[in-house]
Amino acid sequence: MPLGLAFFATIFTSVAAFGCKFLEIQLNSETLSAGFWKYEHPDLGCTSYAVGDDSDDAPIQIAKYVGLLASLLSYACFACLVATTFLVIPNKIVKACCITMCVLPVLMLTLFVSFASKLCRENLLSNSNTYCVPDSGAVLSILSFILWIIVAVSFRQLVSRRTQKENTDINYGDEEEVNSAPPNQSGSKSVIVEVMTDAEGTKTTTTTTTDAKGNKIVEKTVEMKNNSYSEDTES
């Protein structure tokens, strides 16, 4: 789900930032739609501003470069989501994506600073029939704001579930490794036999048995020419 929502959020962000219909300005019977980089000309359609037209309009300048930043970050987040879907990426990159997704809604709201520009302020003061309202680009900006919040929450939950699954698989693998340990590591006995024969022909056999708990049982058998005896000691 985050990937599909991020796709639409990225498209909405780009259209709001670079389109020519963010502000709708109506002066008497004339209507003008304007964006941050372009405006809608009655005859020419979506047209770029002439050089210097908005150079002294601070709100438009702020919205212009905030929109540019938001568009670039949205493409980066979408690429991160695509990579996360098919690849295993480092946790640092995942955290950076989560932080960026939380910043994008703030940037989308910042675009509305453009309503304080001369395009709206001077026209509103000059004529009572003039008004400045959100156009389609502003609506897309609000939709993008909502979508990026949903994407950020969904992506965080997806990463958490994936991390829990990986930790569970690791623990299960460790348990299997312990259960499948060789018998000599999981509780079998260890037996050491030593045989010594002296010059008189007396044969001494020492058997040391170590159980799983580390207890040692030593059994010594002495065989002489005429008889034999044995003794046990435990430690």
Foldseek 3Di string as FASTA:
>chain_A
DLLVLLVLLLVLLLCLQPPAAFKWKDFPPDIWGGHLQWTQDPPPGTGGDDPPPCPPWVLSVLLNVLSVVLNVLSVVLSVVVVCVVPHDDDPVVLVVSLVSLVVNLVSLVSNVSCCVTCSAVVSVVPDVPIHMDTTPSNVSSVVSSVSSVVSSVVSVVVVVVVVVVVVVVVVVVVVVCVVPDDPVLPWAKDKDWDWDADPQGKIKIWIWIATRVGKIKIKIKIDHPVGIDIDIDID
